[in-house]
């Protein structure tokens, strides 16, 4: 089966202000094996990055024990490759949302050159 998830980055203080040209990676969180990277994309002018993946990309021992679907989380990187935001701690179990909205504090976005 093929899945699609969009990630939307926006300025926390102004949800209508999108963050374009940010590097975004989507992962499946695992407990017993290394996390699976499901893709990397750069946000468009609407702050969106799109990821397409299949079960082959994430299904492993962790998923067979904890449920058949991944625990998706996002990491946002600046142009120097530094992780600015990670949602790993809040990954939802056994779910594939069609949209993951990620607020980034204005001060943090400015500090890392995202806006």
C-alpha atoms as a PDB file:
ATOM      1  CA  UNK A   1       0.000   0.000   0.000  1.00  0.00           C
ATOM      2  CA  UNK A   2       1.172   3.519  -0.807  1.00  0.00           C
ATOM      3  CA  UNK A   3       0.808   6.370   1.717  1.00  0.00           C
ATOM      4  CA  UNK A   4       1.103  10.152   1.489  1.00  0.00           C
ATOM      5  CA  UNK A   5       1.673  12.623   4.301  1.00  0.00           C
ATOM      6  CA  UNK A   6       2.139  16.384   3.990  1.00  0.00           C
ATOM      7  CA  UNK A   7       4.051  18.462   6.506  1.00  0.00           C
ATOM      8  CA  UNK A   8       3.184  22.145   6.841  1.00  0.00           C
ATOM      9  CA  UNK A   9       5.566  24.562   8.591  1.00  0.00           C
ATOM     10  CA  UNK A  10       4.318  27.892   9.859  1.00  0.00           C
ATOM     11  CA  UNK A  11       5.308  30.642  12.259  1.00  0.00           C
ATOM     12  CA  UNK A  12       3.797  29.809  15.636  1.00  0.00           C
ATOM     13  CA  UNK A  13       2.789  33.389  16.373  1.00  0.00           C
ATOM     14  CA  UNK A  14       1.113  33.797  12.962  1.00  0.00           C
ATOM     15  CA  UNK A  15      -0.302  30.531  11.512  1.00  0.00           C
ATOM     16  CA  UNK A  16      -0.892  32.297   8.174  1.00  0.00           C
ATOM     17  CA  UNK A  17       2.856  32.903   7.750  1.00  0.00           C
ATOM     18  CA  UNK A  18       4.302  29.807   6.131  1.00  0.00           C
ATOM     19  CA  UNK A  19       7.945  28.770   6.212  1.00  0.00           C
ATOM     20  CA  UNK A  20       9.296  28.136   2.722  1.00  0.00           C
ATOM     21  CA  UNK A  21      12.602  26.545   1.661  1.00  0.00           C
ATOM     22  CA  UNK A  22      13.111  24.589   4.900  1.00  0.00           C
ATOM     23  CA  UNK A  23      14.605  21.100   4.841  1.00  0.00           C
ATOM     24  CA  UNK A  24      12.162  18.574   6.323  1.00  0.00           C
ATOM     25  CA  UNK A  25      12.668  14.860   7.013  1.00  0.00           C
ATOM     26  CA  UNK A  26       9.931  12.388   7.905  1.00  0.00           C
ATOM     27  CA  UNK A  27      10.717   9.378  10.112  1.00  0.00           C
ATOM     28  CA  UNK A  28       9.095   6.331  11.642  1.00  0.00           C
ATOM     29  CA  UNK A  29      10.004   6.179  15.338  1.00  0.00           C
ATOM     30  CA  UNK A  30      11.131   2.751  16.506  1.00  0.00           C
ATOM     31  CA  UNK A  31      12.076   1.545  19.966  1.00  0.00           C
ATOM     32  CA  UNK A  32      14.067  -1.612  19.256  1.00  0.00           C
ATOM     33  CA  UNK A  33      15.614  -0.779  15.900  1.00  0.00           C
ATOM     34  CA  UNK A  34      16.946   2.426  14.338  1.00  0.00           C
ATOM     35  CA  UNK A  35      14.297   4.922  13.223  1.00  0.00           C
ATOM     36  CA  UNK A  36      13.359   4.681   9.541  1.00  0.00           C
ATOM     37  CA  UNK A  37      13.801   7.782   7.394  1.00  0.00           C
ATOM     38  CA  UNK A  38      10.826   7.952   5.038  1.00  0.00           C
ATOM     39  CA  UNK A  39      12.040  10.870   2.987  1.00  0.00           C
ATOM     40  CA  UNK A  40      13.443  14.365   2.764  1.00  0.00           C
ATOM     41  CA  UNK A  41      11.853  17.356   1.048  1.00  0.00           C
ATOM     42  CA  UNK A  42      12.092  21.142   0.953  1.00  0.00           C
ATOM     43  CA  UNK A  43       8.990  23.148   1.819  1.00  0.00           C
ATOM     44  CA  UNK A  44       7.315  25.026  -1.018  1.00  0.00           C
ATOM     45  CA  UNK A  45       6.019  28.622  -0.915  1.00  0.00           C
ATOM     46  CA  UNK A  46       3.033  27.400   1.143  1.00  0.00           C
ATOM     47  CA  UNK A  47       5.316  25.807   3.752  1.00  0.00           C
ATOM     48  CA  UNK A  48       4.423  22.286   2.596  1.00  0.00           C
ATOM     49  CA  UNK A  49       6.572  19.221   2.026  1.00  0.00           C
ATOM     50  CA  UNK A  50       5.069  16.018   0.628  1.00  0.00           C
ATOM     51  CA  UNK A  51       6.166  12.488   1.472  1.00  0.00           C
ATOM     52  CA  UNK A  52       5.135   9.283  -0.266  1.00  0.00           C
ATOM     53  CA  UNK A  53       6.102   5.926   1.185  1.00  0.00           C
ATOM     54  CA  UNK A  54       5.074   2.280   1.384  1.00  0.00           C
ATOM     55  CA  UNK A  55       5.052  -0.400   4.068  1.00  0.00           C
ATOM     56  CA  UNK A  56       8.425  -1.579   2.767  1.00  0.00           C
ATOM     57  CA  UNK A  57       9.880   1.753   3.926  1.00  0.00           C
ATOM     58  CA  UNK A  58       8.845   1.398   7.585  1.00  0.00           C
ATOM     59  CA  UNK A  59       7.541  -2.075   8.429  1.00  0.00           C
ATOM     60  CA  UNK A  60       9.967  -3.824  10.770  1.00  0.00           C
ATOM     61  CA  UNK A  61       9.942  -5.679  14.081  1.00  0.00           C
ATOM     62  CA  UNK A  62       8.780  -2.597  16.036  1.00  0.00           C
ATOM     63  CA  UNK A  63       5.786  -2.127  13.752  1.00  0.00           C
ATOM     64  CA  UNK A  64       4.830  -5.789  13.854  1.00  0.00           C
ATOM     65  CA  UNK A  65       4.792  -5.694  17.684  1.00  0.00           C
ATOM     66  CA  UNK A  66       3.263  -2.239  18.223  1.00  0.00           C
ATOM     67  CA  UNK A  67       0.878  -2.056  15.271  1.00  0.00           C
ATOM     68  CA  UNK A  68       1.007  -2.251  11.511  1.00  0.00           C
ATOM     69  CA  UNK A  69       1.369   1.501  10.944  1.00  0.00           C
ATOM     70  CA  UNK A  70       4.325   3.780  11.679  1.00  0.00           C
ATOM     71  CA  UNK A  71       4.845   6.358  14.405  1.00  0.00           C
ATOM     72  CA  UNK A  72       5.557   9.405  12.239  1.00  0.00           C
ATOM     73  CA  UNK A  73       7.642  12.333  13.351  1.00  0.00           C
ATOM     74  CA  UNK A  74       9.328  15.286  11.688  1.00  0.00           C
ATOM     75  CA  UNK A  75      12.723  16.930  11.908  1.00  0.00           C
ATOM     76  CA  UNK A  76      13.273  20.392  10.448  1.00  0.00           C
ATOM     77  CA  UNK A  77      16.812  21.433   9.522  1.00  0.00           C
ATOM     78  CA  UNK A  78      18.402  24.774   8.721  1.00  0.00           C
ATOM     79  CA  UNK A  79      20.701  25.308   5.718  1.00  0.00           C
ATOM     80  CA  UNK A  80      23.739  24.344   7.851  1.00  0.00           C
ATOM     81  CA  UNK A  81      22.187  20.948   8.610  1.00  0.00           C
ATOM     82  CA  UNK A  82      21.358  21.710  12.244  1.00  0.00           C
ATOM     83  CA  UNK A  83      18.122  20.218  13.568  1.00  0.00           C
ATOM     84  CA  UNK A  84      15.849  23.137  14.485  1.00  0.00           C
ATOM     85  CA  UNK A  85      12.686  21.208  15.442  1.00  0.00           C
ATOM     86  CA  UNK A  86      11.996  17.544  16.202  1.00  0.00           C
ATOM     87  CA  UNK A  87       8.579  16.087  16.987  1.00  0.00           C
ATOM     88  CA  UNK A  88       9.958  12.633  17.874  1.00  0.00           C
ATOM     89  CA  UNK A  89       8.643  12.772  21.451  1.00  0.00           C
ATOM     90  CA  UNK A  90       5.088  13.400  20.248  1.00  0.00           C
ATOM     91  CA  UNK A  91       4.888  10.758  17.519  1.00  0.00           C
ATOM     92  CA  UNK A  92       1.403   9.245  17.417  1.00  0.00           C
ATOM     93  CA  UNK A  93       1.324   5.455  17.568  1.00  0.00           C
ATOM     94  CA  UNK A  94      -0.069   3.390  14.727  1.00  0.00           C
ATOM     95  CA  UNK A  95      -1.307   6.294  12.573  1.00  0.00           C
ATOM     96  CA  UNK A  96      -0.623   7.924   9.228  1.00  0.00           C
ATOM     97  CA  UNK A  97      -2.010  11.462   9.268  1.00  0.00           C
ATOM     98  CA  UNK A  98      -2.506  13.122   5.903  1.00  0.00           C
ATOM     99  CA  UNK A  99      -1.244  16.446   7.322  1.00  0.00           C
ATOM    100  CA  UNK A 100       1.223  17.192  10.099  1.00  0.00           C
ATOM    101  CA  UNK A 101       1.287  20.863  11.106  1.00  0.00           C
ATOM    102  CA  UNK A 102       4.523  22.088  12.702  1.00  0.00           C
ATOM    103  CA  UNK A 103       4.611  25.478  14.425  1.00  0.00           C
ATOM    104  CA  UNK A 104       8.042  27.114  14.689  1.00  0.00           C
ATOM    105  CA  UNK A 105       8.558  30.019  17.090  1.00  0.00           C
ATOM    106  CA  UNK A 106       9.386  33.219  15.190  1.00  0.00           C
ATOM    107  CA  UNK A 107      12.574  33.812  17.196  1.00  0.00           C
ATOM    108  CA  UNK A 108      13.814  30.266  16.498  1.00  0.00           C
ATOM    109  CA  UNK A 109      12.930  30.527  12.793  1.00  0.00           C
ATOM    110  CA  UNK A 110      14.828  33.844  12.513  1.00  0.00           C
ATOM    111  CA  UNK A 111      17.839  32.511  14.442  1.00  0.00           C
ATOM    112  CA  UNK A 112      18.183  29.621  11.969  1.00  0.00           C
ATOM    113  CA  UNK A 113      17.431  31.627   8.820  1.00  0.00           C
ATOM    114  CA  UNK A 114      14.112  29.934   8.091  1.00  0.00           C
ATOM    115  CA  UNK A 115      12.360  33.293   7.690  1.00  0.00           C
END
